[in-house]
Amino acid sequence: MNDDILEGIRNGSRDAFKQFYDTYENYAIRTAKAITRNDEHAKDAVQETFIRVYRNISSYNSNLSFDAWFYRILVNECYRIITKEKKTPSVDTSTMEDNELLTEHSKENLSDLYSMIQNMADLYRIPILLKYIKGFSEKEIAIILNLNHNTVKSRLFNGRNLLKTQLEMIEMEGSQ
């Protein structure tokens, strides 16, 4: 995030906040949809996230990653909405399928992979989404989810192993 935009938001500039909103809105919506599995809940979570960022921008520590701070607020809002609605979150398969470089075959494979991820427990699914879909580092994921770095590494490792096992089972079924 640009320091000038952050400073503008701190000073109450509507233009700076609009620029920030325009930059982050689509990514935030996709992430929220992936977590909440519901378009309306995702929109609510994103709206509340932007409000919280605006109100709490003064508490942001500029020595840390703004993206990690922002996504931690977003993930917490998604969890709050899920808890309130008592629904299980899922994966938004449109996150990467919009990429024009993907062939139909690879889109099909992505859809299968997303279905597998969707069926994973949140314990593994959320770190995998943040790492491989959103591109956060393990340390950033630890900050976002308020977890120990080693816990994140363990969950990513176990989540990848679960996916690997499922993929191997599908390959075995396909070869029979």
Protein backbone atom coordinates (compact mmCIF):
# COMPACT_ATOMS: atom_id res chain seq x y z
CA MET A 1 0.00 0.00 0.00
CA ASN A 2 1.28 3.42 -0.95
CA ASP A 3 2.37 5.49 2.08
CA ASP A 4 0.73 8.61 0.61
CA ILE A 5 -2.62 6.83 0.41
CA LEU A 6 -2.27 5.57 3.98
CA GLU A 7 -1.39 9.04 5.19
CA GLY A 8 -4.35 10.46 3.25
CA ILE A 9 -6.69 7.96 4.90
CA ARG A 10 -5.24 8.85 8.32
CA ASN A 11 -5.95 12.51 7.54
CA GLY A 12 -9.54 11.75 6.51
CA SER A 13 -9.12 12.15 2.75
CA ARG A 14 -12.11 10.66 0.93
CA ASP A 15 -10.11 10.51 -2.31
CA ALA A 16 -7.36 8.48 -0.63
CA PHE A 17 -9.92 6.12 0.88
CA LYS A 18 -11.67 5.72 -2.49
CA GLN A 19 -8.34 4.91 -4.14
CA PHE A 20 -7.63 2.35 -1.41
CA TYR A 21 -11.14 0.89 -1.77
CA ASP A 22 -10.84 0.62 -5.56
CA THR A 23 -7.49 -1.13 -5.20
CA TYR A 24 -8.56 -3.72 -2.63
CA GLU A 25 -12.27 -4.31 -3.24
CA ASN A 26 -12.09 -7.12 -5.81
CA TYR A 27 -9.41 -9.05 -3.95
CA ALA A 28 -11.28 -8.65 -0.70
CA ILE A 29 -14.56 -9.86 -2.23
CA ARG A 30 -12.91 -12.94 -3.69
CA THR A 31 -11.22 -13.79 -0.42
CA ALA A 32 -14.42 -13.25 1.56
CA LYS A 33 -16.41 -15.42 -0.89
CA ALA A 34 -13.81 -18.15 -0.55
CA ILE A 35 -14.16 -18.09 3.22
CA THR A 36 -17.90 -17.50 3.67
CA ARG A 37 -19.25 -19.43 0.64
CA ASN A 38 -21.97 -16.82 0.33
CA ASP A 39 -22.05 -13.70 -1.87
CA GLU A 40 -24.10 -11.62 0.56
CA HIS A 41 -22.01 -12.62 3.57
CA ALA A 42 -18.87 -11.84 1.59
CA LYS A 43 -20.15 -8.37 0.69
CA ASP A 44 -21.09 -7.73 4.33
CA ALA A 45 -17.67 -8.86 5.53
CA VAL A 46 -15.89 -6.66 3.00
CA GLN A 47 -18.02 -3.63 3.83
CA GLU A 48 -17.38 -4.08 7.54
CA THR A 49 -13.67 -4.61 6.88
CA PHE A 50 -13.36 -1.31 5.03
CA ILE A 51 -15.23 0.46 7.81
CA ARG A 52 -12.92 -1.06 10.43
CA VAL A 53 -9.83 -0.16 8.43
CA TYR A 54 -11.04 3.43 8.13
CA ARG A 55 -11.81 3.67 11.84
CA ASN A 56 -8.63 1.92 12.98
CA ILE A 57 -6.04 3.11 10.46
CA SER A 58 -4.28 4.99 13.26
CA SER A 59 -3.53 1.66 14.97
CA TYR A 60 -1.81 0.23 11.89
CA ASN A 61 1.91 -0.32 12.49
CA SER A 62 3.68 0.81 9.31
CA ASN A 63 6.62 -1.51 10.09
CA LEU A 64 4.36 -4.47 9.30
CA SER A 65 2.75 -5.52 6.02
CA PHE A 66 -0.40 -3.54 5.31
CA ASP A 67 -1.81 -6.43 3.28
CA ALA A 68 -1.41 -8.82 6.22
CA TRP A 69 -3.09 -6.29 8.54
CA PHE A 70 -5.94 -5.73 6.09
CA TYR A 71 -6.53 -9.44 5.43
CA ARG A 72 -6.42 -10.24 9.13
CA ILE A 73 -9.30 -7.81 9.63
CA LEU A 74 -11.11 -9.33 6.63
CA VAL A 75 -10.63 -12.93 7.80
CA ASN A 76 -11.81 -11.99 11.30
CA GLU A 77 -14.93 -10.36 9.83
CA CYS A 78 -15.62 -13.46 7.74
CA TYR A 79 -15.26 -15.66 10.82
CA ARG A 80 -17.55 -13.35 12.77
CA ILE A 81 -20.24 -13.62 10.08
CA ILE A 82 -19.82 -17.38 9.78
CA THR A 83 -20.13 -17.78 13.53
CA LYS A 84 -23.19 -15.56 13.53
CA GLU A 85 -24.81 -17.53 10.71
CA LYS A 86 -23.38 -20.90 11.81
CA LYS A 87 -22.56 -21.86 8.25
CA THR A 88 -19.49 -23.67 6.93
CA PRO A 89 -17.31 -21.65 4.54
CA SER A 90 -16.19 -22.77 1.07
CA VAL A 91 -13.96 -21.90 -1.87
CA ASP A 92 -14.89 -19.50 -4.68
CA THR A 93 -13.87 -21.39 -7.82
CA SER A 94 -13.89 -18.23 -9.92
CA THR A 95 -10.77 -16.93 -8.16
CA MET A 96 -8.36 -18.35 -10.70
CA GLU A 97 -10.66 -19.67 -13.41
CA ASP A 98 -10.96 -16.15 -14.85
CA ASN A 99 -7.33 -16.31 -15.99
CA GLU A 100 -7.37 -16.24 -19.81
CA LEU A 101 -4.13 -18.23 -19.99
CA LEU A 102 -5.78 -21.34 -18.61
CA THR A 103 -6.93 -23.96 -21.08
CA GLU A 104 -10.31 -25.64 -20.70
CA HIS A 105 -8.56 -28.79 -19.45
CA SER A 106 -6.61 -26.90 -16.80
CA LYS A 107 -9.78 -25.03 -15.78
CA GLU A 108 -11.44 -28.40 -15.27
CA ASN A 109 -8.49 -29.56 -13.17
CA LEU A 110 -8.64 -26.35 -11.15
CA SER A 111 -12.32 -26.89 -10.56
CA ASP A 112 -11.59 -30.40 -9.26
CA LEU A 113 -8.82 -29.06 -7.05
CA TYR A 114 -11.06 -26.32 -5.69
CA SER A 115 -13.73 -28.90 -4.92
CA MET A 116 -11.18 -30.84 -2.90
CA ILE A 117 -10.09 -27.69 -1.10
CA GLN A 118 -13.73 -26.80 -0.46
CA ASN A 119 -14.25 -30.08 1.36
CA MET A 120 -11.24 -29.60 3.63
CA ALA A 121 -11.62 -28.56 7.23
CA ASP A 122 -11.16 -24.81 7.78
CA LEU A 123 -8.06 -25.66 9.78
CA TYR A 124 -6.26 -26.52 6.53
CA ARG A 125 -8.39 -24.78 3.90
CA ILE A 126 -7.92 -21.19 5.04
CA PRO A 127 -4.08 -21.32 5.24
CA ILE A 128 -3.97 -23.04 1.83
CA LEU A 129 -6.19 -20.35 0.29
CA LEU A 130 -4.09 -17.56 1.78
CA LYS A 131 -0.80 -19.15 0.68
CA TYR A 132 -1.55 -20.50 -2.78
CA ILE A 133 -4.46 -18.37 -3.96
CA LYS A 134 -3.69 -15.04 -2.31
CA GLY A 135 0.11 -15.42 -2.26
CA PHE A 136 0.79 -14.60 1.38
CA SER A 137 3.96 -15.85 3.05
CA GLU A 138 3.76 -18.24 5.99
CA LYS A 139 4.71 -15.41 8.36
CA GLU A 140 1.95 -13.19 6.96
CA ILE A 141 -0.56 -16.01 7.30
CA ALA A 142 0.49 -16.41 10.93
CA ILE A 143 -0.24 -12.72 11.48
CA ILE A 144 -3.56 -12.85 9.59
CA LEU A 145 -4.82 -15.91 11.46
CA ASN A 146 -3.17 -14.96 14.76
CA LEU A 147 -1.29 -18.25 14.87
CA ASN A 148 2.26 -19.35 15.60
CA HIS A 149 4.42 -19.54 12.45
CA ASN A 150 5.13 -23.25 13.06
CA THR A 151 1.40 -23.93 13.38
CA VAL A 152 0.86 -22.39 9.95
CA LYS A 153 3.68 -24.48 8.48
CA SER A 154 2.18 -27.62 10.01
CA ARG A 155 -1.32 -26.85 8.72
CA LEU A 156 -0.01 -26.15 5.23
CA PHE A 157 2.01 -29.38 5.27
CA ASN A 158 -0.95 -31.44 6.48
CA GLY A 159 -3.32 -29.73 4.07
CA ARG A 160 -1.03 -30.43 1.11
CA ASN A 161 -0.77 -34.06 2.21
CA LEU A 162 -4.56 -34.35 2.35
CA LEU A 163 -4.83 -32.92 -1.16
CA LYS A 164 -2.06 -35.21 -2.41
CA THR A 165 -3.85 -38.25 -0.99
CA GLN A 166 -7.13 -37.21 -2.62
CA LEU A 167 -5.41 -36.61 -5.97
CA GLU A 168 -3.74 -40.02 -5.80
CA MET A 169 -7.10 -41.66 -5.11
CA ILE A 170 -8.63 -39.90 -8.12
CA GLU A 171 -5.72 -41.00 -10.32
CA MET A 172 -6.15 -44.60 -9.16
CA GLU A 173 -9.88 -44.48 -9.90
CA GLY A 174 -9.24 -42.98 -13.32
CA SER A 175 -6.75 -45.68 -14.30
CA GLN A 176 -9.13 -48.54 -13.48
